[in-house]
């Protein structure tokens, strides 16, 4: 409760008032303290997978779970490190515009 109060309320001369600028790293669910409120809420995951017409199936090769308020701008480097560490770095790596 201390965390919820400190993140969501302001002390205005002994009166609790809602904080209008809580930011994205705020407790969303007491039973899951790592879940965050952001414009999306909860979690997100960065995923890489195989994508060859020659494969009978496509496989997930790396994943980075993150809180929803985390920026994904540095995720590409982290994915590349995971792939290299497992000796499965691709010849080509496609990414979205982000």
C-alpha atoms as a PDB file:
ATOM      1  CA  UNK A   1       0.000   0.000   0.000  1.00  0.00           C
ATOM      2  CA  UNK A   2       2.923   2.336   0.667  1.00  0.00           C
ATOM      3  CA  UNK A   3       4.129   1.830  -2.898  1.00  0.00           C
ATOM      4  CA  UNK A   4       0.659   2.419  -4.365  1.00  0.00           C
ATOM      5  CA  UNK A   5       0.215   5.600  -2.364  1.00  0.00           C
ATOM      6  CA  UNK A   6       3.671   6.966  -3.176  1.00  0.00           C
ATOM      7  CA  UNK A   7       3.225   6.330  -6.922  1.00  0.00           C
ATOM      8  CA  UNK A   8      -0.402   7.345  -7.381  1.00  0.00           C
ATOM      9  CA  UNK A   9      -1.039  10.108  -4.844  1.00  0.00           C
ATOM     10  CA  UNK A  10       0.485  13.382  -3.687  1.00  0.00           C
ATOM     11  CA  UNK A  11       0.408  14.697  -0.138  1.00  0.00           C
ATOM     12  CA  UNK A  12      -1.177  18.159  -0.366  1.00  0.00           C
ATOM     13  CA  UNK A  13      -1.043  19.616   3.153  1.00  0.00           C
ATOM     14  CA  UNK A  14      -2.120  16.343   4.744  1.00  0.00           C
ATOM     15  CA  UNK A  15      -4.715  15.520   2.089  1.00  0.00           C
ATOM     16  CA  UNK A  16      -4.198  12.769  -0.478  1.00  0.00           C
ATOM     17  CA  UNK A  17      -4.708  13.920  -4.074  1.00  0.00           C
ATOM     18  CA  UNK A  18      -4.317  11.854  -7.234  1.00  0.00           C
ATOM     19  CA  UNK A  19      -0.970  12.389  -8.917  1.00  0.00           C
ATOM     20  CA  UNK A  20      -1.689  13.672 -12.451  1.00  0.00           C
ATOM     21  CA  UNK A  21       1.779  12.617 -13.709  1.00  0.00           C
ATOM     22  CA  UNK A  22       2.443   9.090 -12.459  1.00  0.00           C
ATOM     23  CA  UNK A  23       4.718   7.974 -15.312  1.00  0.00           C
ATOM     24  CA  UNK A  24       4.825   4.498 -16.798  1.00  0.00           C
ATOM     25  CA  UNK A  25       6.538   2.488 -14.057  1.00  0.00           C
ATOM     26  CA  UNK A  26       3.665   2.310 -11.624  1.00  0.00           C
ATOM     27  CA  UNK A  27       2.156  -0.662  -9.800  1.00  0.00           C
ATOM     28  CA  UNK A  28      -0.729  -1.985 -11.884  1.00  0.00           C
ATOM     29  CA  UNK A  29      -1.559  -5.205 -10.062  1.00  0.00           C
ATOM     30  CA  UNK A  30      -0.457  -5.975  -6.462  1.00  0.00           C
ATOM     31  CA  UNK A  31      -0.384  -9.707  -7.262  1.00  0.00           C
ATOM     32  CA  UNK A  32       2.079  -8.999 -10.115  1.00  0.00           C
ATOM     33  CA  UNK A  33       4.366  -6.146  -9.016  1.00  0.00           C
ATOM     34  CA  UNK A  34       6.405  -6.310 -12.236  1.00  0.00           C
ATOM     35  CA  UNK A  35       3.406  -5.442 -14.434  1.00  0.00           C
ATOM     36  CA  UNK A  36       3.453  -1.756 -15.284  1.00  0.00           C
ATOM     37  CA  UNK A  37       0.995   0.872 -16.342  1.00  0.00           C
ATOM     38  CA  UNK A  38       1.940   2.541 -19.578  1.00  0.00           C
ATOM     39  CA  UNK A  39      -0.086   3.580 -22.563  1.00  0.00           C
ATOM     40  CA  UNK A  40      -0.414  -0.180 -23.205  1.00  0.00           C
ATOM     41  CA  UNK A  41      -0.307  -1.576 -19.673  1.00  0.00           C
ATOM     42  CA  UNK A  42       1.103  -4.947 -18.612  1.00  0.00           C
ATOM     43  CA  UNK A  43       3.914  -6.493 -20.622  1.00  0.00           C
ATOM     44  CA  UNK A  44       5.433  -6.628 -24.088  1.00  0.00           C
ATOM     45  CA  UNK A  45       7.872  -9.055 -25.662  1.00  0.00           C
ATOM     46  CA  UNK A  46      10.426  -8.642 -28.425  1.00  0.00           C
ATOM     47  CA  UNK A  47      10.570 -11.797 -30.560  1.00  0.00           C
ATOM     48  CA  UNK A  48      12.741 -13.119 -33.389  1.00  0.00           C
ATOM     49  CA  UNK A  49      11.783 -16.074 -35.523  1.00  0.00           C
ATOM     50  CA  UNK A  50      12.954 -17.885 -38.589  1.00  0.00           C
ATOM     51  CA  UNK A  51      11.329 -16.802 -41.851  1.00  0.00           C
ATOM     52  CA  UNK A  52      12.467 -18.965 -44.731  1.00  0.00           C
ATOM     53  CA  UNK A  53      10.255 -20.482 -47.412  1.00  0.00           C
ATOM     54  CA  UNK A  54      12.586 -23.505 -47.252  1.00  0.00           C
ATOM     55  CA  UNK A  55      11.618 -24.264 -43.628  1.00  0.00           C
ATOM     56  CA  UNK A  56       8.656 -26.570 -43.037  1.00  0.00           C
ATOM     57  CA  UNK A  57       8.004 -24.662 -39.784  1.00  0.00           C
ATOM     58  CA  UNK A  58       9.136 -21.298 -38.476  1.00  0.00           C
ATOM     59  CA  UNK A  59      10.672 -21.207 -34.989  1.00  0.00           C
ATOM     60  CA  UNK A  60      11.020 -18.523 -32.325  1.00  0.00           C
ATOM     61  CA  UNK A  61      14.771 -18.069 -31.854  1.00  0.00           C
ATOM     62  CA  UNK A  62      14.912 -15.357 -29.167  1.00  0.00           C
ATOM     63  CA  UNK A  63      12.574 -13.422 -26.889  1.00  0.00           C
ATOM     64  CA  UNK A  64      12.970 -10.508 -24.513  1.00  0.00           C
ATOM     65  CA  UNK A  65      10.069  -9.995 -22.070  1.00  0.00           C
ATOM     66  CA  UNK A  66       9.691  -6.386 -20.888  1.00  0.00           C
ATOM     67  CA  UNK A  67       7.332  -4.211 -18.923  1.00  0.00           C
ATOM     68  CA  UNK A  68       4.980  -2.294 -21.194  1.00  0.00           C
ATOM     69  CA  UNK A  69       6.561   1.043 -20.346  1.00  0.00           C
ATOM     70  CA  UNK A  70      10.063  -0.104 -21.400  1.00  0.00           C
ATOM     71  CA  UNK A  71      11.459   1.349 -24.603  1.00  0.00           C
ATOM     72  CA  UNK A  72      12.149  -1.212 -27.310  1.00  0.00           C
ATOM     73  CA  UNK A  73      14.761   0.986 -29.010  1.00  0.00           C
ATOM     74  CA  UNK A  74      17.699  -1.001 -27.570  1.00  0.00           C
ATOM     75  CA  UNK A  75      16.122  -4.415 -28.039  1.00  0.00           C
ATOM     76  CA  UNK A  76      17.744  -5.149 -31.407  1.00  0.00           C
ATOM     77  CA  UNK A  77      21.238  -5.206 -29.875  1.00  0.00           C
ATOM     78  CA  UNK A  78      20.033  -7.437 -27.035  1.00  0.00           C
ATOM     79  CA  UNK A  79      18.419  -9.838 -29.538  1.00  0.00           C
ATOM     80  CA  UNK A  80      21.656  -9.950 -31.570  1.00  0.00           C
ATOM     81  CA  UNK A  81      23.623 -10.806 -28.404  1.00  0.00           C
ATOM     82  CA  UNK A  82      21.173 -13.643 -27.592  1.00  0.00           C
ATOM     83  CA  UNK A  83      21.383 -15.057 -31.109  1.00  0.00           C
ATOM     84  CA  UNK A  84      25.194 -14.875 -31.194  1.00  0.00           C
ATOM     85  CA  UNK A  85      25.484 -16.466 -27.739  1.00  0.00           C
ATOM     86  CA  UNK A  86      23.436 -19.430 -29.001  1.00  0.00           C
ATOM     87  CA  UNK A  87      25.373 -19.554 -32.288  1.00  0.00           C
ATOM     88  CA  UNK A  88      22.212 -18.965 -34.324  1.00  0.00           C
ATOM     89  CA  UNK A  89      22.815 -15.485 -35.719  1.00  0.00           C
ATOM     90  CA  UNK A  90      21.049 -15.170 -39.088  1.00  0.00           C
ATOM     91  CA  UNK A  91      22.602 -14.188 -42.409  1.00  0.00           C
ATOM     92  CA  UNK A  92      19.918 -11.489 -42.684  1.00  0.00           C
ATOM     93  CA  UNK A  93      17.959  -9.903 -39.879  1.00  0.00           C
ATOM     94  CA  UNK A  94      14.712  -8.126 -40.715  1.00  0.00           C
ATOM     95  CA  UNK A  95      13.312  -5.571 -38.266  1.00  0.00           C
ATOM     96  CA  UNK A  96      10.357  -3.232 -38.144  1.00  0.00           C
ATOM     97  CA  UNK A  97      10.752   0.504 -38.528  1.00  0.00           C
ATOM     98  CA  UNK A  98      11.066   1.073 -34.766  1.00  0.00           C
END
